[in-house]
């Protein structure tokens, strides 16, 4: 059982590293914030929102890997990748700190 958990952990980490190159090439766009962000919002984002979204990214990546054969048969693998992996990754790593209401996600 321990071996399966180790292999699963390695699979998830390899998937995240593999997707990092996609994120770096596809989401590095210029972003102009609409308003000045207060320090409290930045702290809340750094302490609570980013770790939660990173957890969502890990769960989404795992779910995508497990469900990708079904998505491929259904013809919506790009959509499932976008919703389960790419959007949480952008919200976690691309969005400026404290800008939780802004939407840089649609600016591909």
N, C-alpha and C. Protein backbone atom coordinates (compact mmCIF):
# COMPACT_ATOMS: atom_id res chain seq x y z
N UNK A 1 0.82 -1.19 0.00
CA UNK A 1 0.00 0.00 0.00
C UNK A 1 0.87 1.26 0.00
N UNK A 2 1.96 1.21 0.76
CA UNK A 2 2.85 2.37 0.82
C UNK A 2 3.48 2.65 -0.54
N UNK A 3 3.77 1.60 -1.29
CA UNK A 3 4.37 1.76 -2.61
C UNK A 3 3.41 2.46 -3.57
N UNK A 4 2.13 2.12 -3.49
CA UNK A 4 1.12 2.75 -4.34
C UNK A 4 1.00 4.23 -4.01
N UNK A 5 1.01 4.57 -2.72
CA UNK A 5 0.94 5.98 -2.32
C UNK A 5 2.16 6.74 -2.82
N UNK A 6 3.33 6.13 -2.74
CA UNK A 6 4.55 6.78 -3.22
C UNK A 6 4.48 7.00 -4.72
N UNK A 7 4.03 6.00 -5.46
CA UNK A 7 3.92 6.14 -6.91
C UNK A 7 2.89 7.19 -7.29
N UNK A 8 1.79 7.23 -6.57
CA UNK A 8 0.76 8.23 -6.82
C UNK A 8 1.29 9.64 -6.55
N UNK A 9 2.03 9.80 -5.48
CA UNK A 9 2.64 11.09 -5.17
C UNK A 9 3.60 11.51 -6.27
N UNK A 10 4.41 10.58 -6.74
CA UNK A 10 5.35 10.88 -7.82
C UNK A 10 4.61 11.25 -9.11
N UNK A 11 3.52 10.58 -9.39
CA UNK A 11 2.72 10.88 -10.58
C UNK A 11 2.15 12.30 -10.51
N UNK A 12 1.62 12.67 -9.36
CA UNK A 12 1.04 14.00 -9.20
C UNK A 12 2.13 15.07 -9.31
N UNK A 13 3.27 14.85 -8.68
CA UNK A 13 4.36 15.82 -8.76
C UNK A 13 4.88 15.95 -10.19
N UNK A 14 5.01 14.83 -10.88
CA UNK A 14 5.47 14.88 -12.28
C UNK A 14 4.46 15.62 -13.15
N UNK A 15 3.18 15.41 -12.89
CA UNK A 15 2.14 16.11 -13.65
C UNK A 15 2.22 17.61 -13.42
N UNK A 16 2.39 18.00 -12.17
CA UNK A 16 2.48 19.43 -11.87
C UNK A 16 3.70 20.05 -12.52
N UNK A 17 4.82 19.36 -12.49
CA UNK A 17 6.02 19.89 -13.14
C UNK A 17 5.86 19.94 -14.65
N UNK A 18 5.20 18.96 -15.21
CA UNK A 18 4.97 18.97 -16.65
C UNK A 18 4.05 20.09 -17.08
N UNK A 19 3.03 20.37 -16.26
CA UNK A 19 2.11 21.44 -16.58
C UNK A 19 2.74 22.81 -16.38
N UNK A 20 3.79 22.90 -15.58
CA UNK A 20 4.43 24.19 -15.32
C UNK A 20 4.94 24.84 -16.61
N UNK A 21 5.45 24.04 -17.52
CA UNK A 21 5.92 24.61 -18.78
C UNK A 21 4.77 25.17 -19.61
N UNK A 22 3.62 24.53 -19.55
CA UNK A 22 2.44 25.03 -20.25
C UNK A 22 2.02 26.37 -19.65
N UNK A 23 2.01 26.45 -18.32
CA UNK A 23 1.59 27.68 -17.66
C UNK A 23 2.55 28.81 -17.99
N UNK A 24 3.85 28.52 -17.96
CA UNK A 24 4.85 29.56 -18.19
C UNK A 24 4.74 30.12 -19.60
N UNK A 25 4.45 29.28 -20.57
CA UNK A 25 4.38 29.77 -21.95
C UNK A 25 3.03 30.40 -22.28
N UNK A 26 1.97 29.94 -21.66
CA UNK A 26 0.65 30.38 -22.08
C UNK A 26 0.00 31.47 -21.26
N UNK A 27 0.48 31.73 -20.06
CA UNK A 27 -0.24 32.66 -19.20
C UNK A 27 0.57 33.87 -18.79
N UNK A 28 1.77 34.03 -19.29
CA UNK A 28 2.59 35.18 -18.93
C UNK A 28 2.18 36.37 -19.78
N UNK A 29 1.11 37.03 -19.36
CA UNK A 29 0.61 38.18 -20.11
C UNK A 29 0.68 39.42 -19.23
N UNK A 30 0.67 40.57 -19.86
CA UNK A 30 0.67 41.82 -19.11
C UNK A 30 -0.67 41.98 -18.41
N UNK A 31 -0.63 42.43 -17.19
CA UNK A 31 -1.85 42.57 -16.41
C UNK A 31 -1.84 43.93 -15.72
N UNK A 32 -2.88 44.69 -15.90
CA UNK A 32 -3.01 46.00 -15.28
C UNK A 32 -4.11 45.93 -14.21
N UNK A 33 -3.76 46.03 -12.95
CA UNK A 33 -4.78 45.99 -11.90
C UNK A 33 -5.68 47.23 -11.96
N UNK A 34 -6.93 47.07 -11.56
CA UNK A 34 -7.90 48.14 -11.63
C UNK A 34 -7.83 49.09 -10.45
N UNK A 35 -7.38 48.63 -9.32
CA UNK A 35 -7.38 49.45 -8.13
C UNK A 35 -6.20 49.08 -7.25
N UNK A 36 -5.91 49.98 -6.33
CA UNK A 36 -4.85 49.71 -5.36
C UNK A 36 -5.36 48.70 -4.34
N UNK A 37 -4.51 47.76 -3.99
CA UNK A 37 -4.91 46.70 -3.07
C UNK A 37 -4.37 47.01 -1.68
N UNK A 38 -5.19 46.79 -0.68
CA UNK A 38 -4.80 47.04 0.70
C UNK A 38 -3.96 45.88 1.23
N UNK A 39 -3.15 46.18 2.21
CA UNK A 39 -2.24 45.19 2.79
C UNK A 39 -3.00 44.00 3.36
N UNK A 40 -4.13 44.24 3.99
CA UNK A 40 -4.92 43.16 4.58
C UNK A 40 -5.37 42.14 3.54
N UNK A 41 -5.75 42.65 2.37
CA UNK A 41 -6.17 41.75 1.29
C UNK A 41 -4.99 40.90 0.80
N UNK A 42 -3.82 41.52 0.73
CA UNK A 42 -2.63 40.78 0.29
C UNK A 42 -2.27 39.70 1.30
N UNK A 43 -2.35 40.03 2.58
CA UNK A 43 -2.02 39.05 3.63
C UNK A 43 -3.02 37.90 3.59
N UNK A 44 -4.31 38.21 3.49
CA UNK A 44 -5.33 37.15 3.42
C UNK A 44 -5.12 36.27 2.21
N UNK A 45 -4.75 36.89 1.10
CA UNK A 45 -4.50 36.13 -0.12
C UNK A 45 -3.32 35.19 0.06
N UNK A 46 -2.23 35.72 0.61
CA UNK A 46 -1.01 34.91 0.77
C UNK A 46 -1.17 33.80 1.80
N UNK A 47 -1.90 34.07 2.87
CA UNK A 47 -2.00 33.08 3.96
C UNK A 47 -3.13 32.08 3.74
N UNK A 48 -4.25 32.52 3.19
CA UNK A 48 -5.41 31.63 3.09
C UNK A 48 -5.75 31.23 1.66
N UNK A 49 -5.92 32.19 0.78
CA UNK A 49 -6.46 31.90 -0.55
C UNK A 49 -5.47 31.11 -1.40
N UNK A 50 -4.21 31.54 -1.45
CA UNK A 50 -3.23 30.84 -2.30
C UNK A 50 -3.02 29.38 -1.86
N UNK A 51 -2.85 29.12 -0.55
CA UNK A 51 -2.71 27.70 -0.17
C UNK A 51 -3.95 26.86 -0.50
N UNK A 52 -5.14 27.45 -0.33
CA UNK A 52 -6.36 26.71 -0.67
C UNK A 52 -6.43 26.44 -2.17
N UNK A 53 -6.07 27.43 -2.97
CA UNK A 53 -6.10 27.23 -4.42
C UNK A 53 -5.01 26.26 -4.87
N UNK A 54 -3.88 26.25 -4.18
CA UNK A 54 -2.85 25.26 -4.51
C UNK A 54 -3.37 23.85 -4.21
N UNK A 55 -4.10 23.70 -3.10
CA UNK A 55 -4.74 22.43 -2.80
C UNK A 55 -5.76 22.05 -3.86
N UNK A 56 -6.54 23.04 -4.32
CA UNK A 56 -7.50 22.79 -5.39
C UNK A 56 -6.79 22.39 -6.67
N UNK A 57 -5.63 22.98 -6.92
CA UNK A 57 -4.84 22.61 -8.10
C UNK A 57 -4.38 21.16 -8.02
N UNK A 58 -3.92 20.75 -6.85
CA UNK A 58 -3.47 19.36 -6.68
C UNK A 58 -4.63 18.39 -6.85
N UNK A 59 -5.76 18.69 -6.21
CA UNK A 59 -6.94 17.82 -6.34
C UNK A 59 -7.44 17.82 -7.78
N UNK A 60 -7.47 18.99 -8.42
CA UNK A 60 -7.92 19.07 -9.81
C UNK A 60 -7.01 18.32 -10.76
N UNK A 61 -5.69 18.42 -10.52
CA UNK A 61 -4.75 17.69 -11.37
C UNK A 61 -4.93 16.19 -11.21
N UNK A 62 -5.06 15.74 -9.98
CA UNK A 62 -5.29 14.31 -9.74
C UNK A 62 -6.59 13.86 -10.41
N UNK A 63 -7.64 14.65 -10.24
CA UNK A 63 -8.93 14.30 -10.85
C UNK A 63 -8.83 14.29 -12.36
N UNK A 64 -8.11 15.26 -12.93
CA UNK A 64 -7.94 15.30 -14.37
C UNK A 64 -7.20 14.06 -14.87
N UNK A 65 -6.13 13.68 -14.19
CA UNK A 65 -5.35 12.50 -14.60
C UNK A 65 -6.22 11.25 -14.55
N UNK A 66 -7.00 11.11 -13.47
CA UNK A 66 -7.86 9.92 -13.32
C UNK A 66 -8.99 9.92 -14.34
N UNK A 67 -9.57 11.09 -14.60
CA UNK A 67 -10.74 11.14 -15.49
C UNK A 67 -10.39 11.42 -16.95
N UNK A 68 -9.13 11.62 -17.27
CA UNK A 68 -8.78 11.98 -18.64
C UNK A 68 -9.16 10.93 -19.69
N UNK A 69 -9.10 9.62 -19.39
CA UNK A 69 -9.58 8.67 -20.41
C UNK A 69 -11.07 8.87 -20.74
N UNK A 70 -11.86 9.17 -19.72
CA UNK A 70 -13.28 9.38 -19.95
C UNK A 70 -13.52 10.69 -20.69
N UNK A 71 -12.74 11.71 -20.34
CA UNK A 71 -12.86 12.99 -21.04
C UNK A 71 -12.45 12.84 -22.50
N UNK A 72 -11.41 12.05 -22.75
CA UNK A 72 -10.95 11.83 -24.12
C UNK A 72 -12.04 11.13 -24.94
N UNK A 73 -12.68 10.13 -24.35
CA UNK A 73 -13.77 9.46 -25.05
C UNK A 73 -14.95 10.39 -25.27
N UNK A 74 -15.18 11.30 -24.33
CA UNK A 74 -16.29 12.24 -24.46
C UNK A 74 -15.97 13.44 -25.34
N UNK A 75 -14.69 13.58 -25.70
CA UNK A 75 -14.31 14.67 -26.58
C UNK A 75 -14.16 16.02 -25.91
N UNK A 76 -14.01 16.04 -24.59
CA UNK A 76 -13.87 17.34 -23.92
C UNK A 76 -12.64 17.38 -23.01
N UNK A 77 -11.55 16.80 -23.45
CA UNK A 77 -10.35 16.77 -22.63
C UNK A 77 -9.76 18.17 -22.46
N UNK A 78 -9.84 19.02 -23.49
CA UNK A 78 -9.32 20.38 -23.37
C UNK A 78 -10.12 21.18 -22.34
N UNK A 79 -11.43 21.03 -22.39
CA UNK A 79 -12.29 21.74 -21.44
C UNK A 79 -12.04 21.27 -20.01
N UNK A 80 -11.89 19.96 -19.82
CA UNK A 80 -11.64 19.46 -18.47
C UNK A 80 -10.27 19.90 -17.96
N UNK A 81 -9.26 19.95 -18.84
CA UNK A 81 -7.95 20.45 -18.44
C UNK A 81 -8.04 21.92 -18.05
N UNK A 82 -8.76 22.70 -18.83
CA UNK A 82 -8.92 24.13 -18.56
C UNK A 82 -9.56 24.35 -17.18
N UNK A 83 -10.65 23.64 -16.91
CA UNK A 83 -11.40 23.87 -15.68
C UNK A 83 -10.73 23.26 -14.45
N UNK A 84 -10.17 22.08 -14.57
CA UNK A 84 -9.62 21.38 -13.40
C UNK A 84 -8.17 21.72 -13.09
N UNK A 85 -7.40 22.12 -14.10
CA UNK A 85 -5.97 22.35 -13.89
C UNK A 85 -5.56 23.79 -14.19
N UNK A 86 -5.87 24.26 -15.37
CA UNK A 86 -5.35 25.55 -15.81
C UNK A 86 -5.93 26.72 -15.01
N UNK A 87 -7.24 26.77 -14.79
CA UNK A 87 -7.83 27.88 -14.05
C UNK A 87 -7.33 27.95 -12.61
N UNK A 88 -7.29 26.83 -11.85
CA UNK A 88 -6.71 26.93 -10.50
C UNK A 88 -5.23 27.33 -10.51
N UNK A 89 -4.49 26.88 -11.53
CA UNK A 89 -3.07 27.24 -11.61
C UNK A 89 -2.91 28.73 -11.88
N UNK A 90 -3.70 29.26 -12.79
CA UNK A 90 -3.63 30.69 -13.07
C UNK A 90 -4.03 31.50 -11.84
N UNK A 91 -5.09 31.09 -11.17
CA UNK A 91 -5.55 31.82 -10.00
C UNK A 91 -4.53 31.76 -8.87
N UNK A 92 -3.78 30.67 -8.80
CA UNK A 92 -2.77 30.51 -7.76
C UNK A 92 -1.48 31.22 -8.08
N UNK A 93 -0.99 31.09 -9.31
CA UNK A 93 0.36 31.55 -9.62
C UNK A 93 0.45 32.81 -10.48
N UNK A 94 -0.57 33.14 -11.25
CA UNK A 94 -0.48 34.25 -12.19
C UNK A 94 -1.14 35.51 -11.64
N UNK A 95 -2.23 35.35 -10.95
CA UNK A 95 -2.98 36.49 -10.44
C UNK A 95 -2.12 37.30 -9.47
N UNK A 96 -2.13 38.64 -9.60
CA UNK A 96 -1.37 39.47 -8.67
C UNK A 96 -1.87 39.31 -7.23
N UNK A 97 -0.97 39.38 -6.30
CA UNK A 97 -1.29 39.19 -4.89
C UNK A 97 -2.32 40.22 -4.43
N UNK A 98 -3.40 39.73 -3.85
CA UNK A 98 -4.44 40.59 -3.32
C UNK A 98 -5.55 40.94 -4.29
N UNK A 99 -5.39 40.61 -5.55
CA UNK A 99 -6.41 40.91 -6.57
C UNK A 99 -7.33 39.71 -6.75
N UNK A 100 -8.16 39.48 -5.76
CA UNK A 100 -9.02 38.30 -5.79
C UNK A 100 -10.28 38.51 -6.62
N UNK A 101 -10.68 39.76 -6.84
CA UNK A 101 -11.90 40.04 -7.60
C UNK A 101 -11.63 40.25 -9.08
N UNK A 102 -10.38 40.57 -9.42
CA UNK A 102 -10.03 40.80 -10.82
C UNK A 102 -9.99 39.49 -11.57
N UNK A 103 -10.10 39.56 -12.90
CA UNK A 103 -10.13 38.34 -13.70
C UNK A 103 -9.06 38.33 -14.78
N UNK A 104 -7.79 38.05 -14.41
CA UNK A 104 -6.77 37.91 -15.45
C UNK A 104 -6.86 36.56 -16.13
N UNK A 105 -7.77 35.70 -15.67
CA UNK A 105 -7.87 34.34 -16.19
C UNK A 105 -8.34 34.31 -17.63
N UNK A 106 -9.15 35.26 -18.03
CA UNK A 106 -9.67 35.23 -19.39
C UNK A 106 -8.70 35.83 -20.40
N UNK A 107 -7.62 36.43 -19.95
CA UNK A 107 -6.65 37.07 -20.86
C UNK A 107 -5.56 36.09 -21.24
N UNK A 108 -5.91 35.12 -22.08
CA UNK A 108 -4.90 34.14 -22.49
C UNK A 108 -4.10 34.75 -23.56
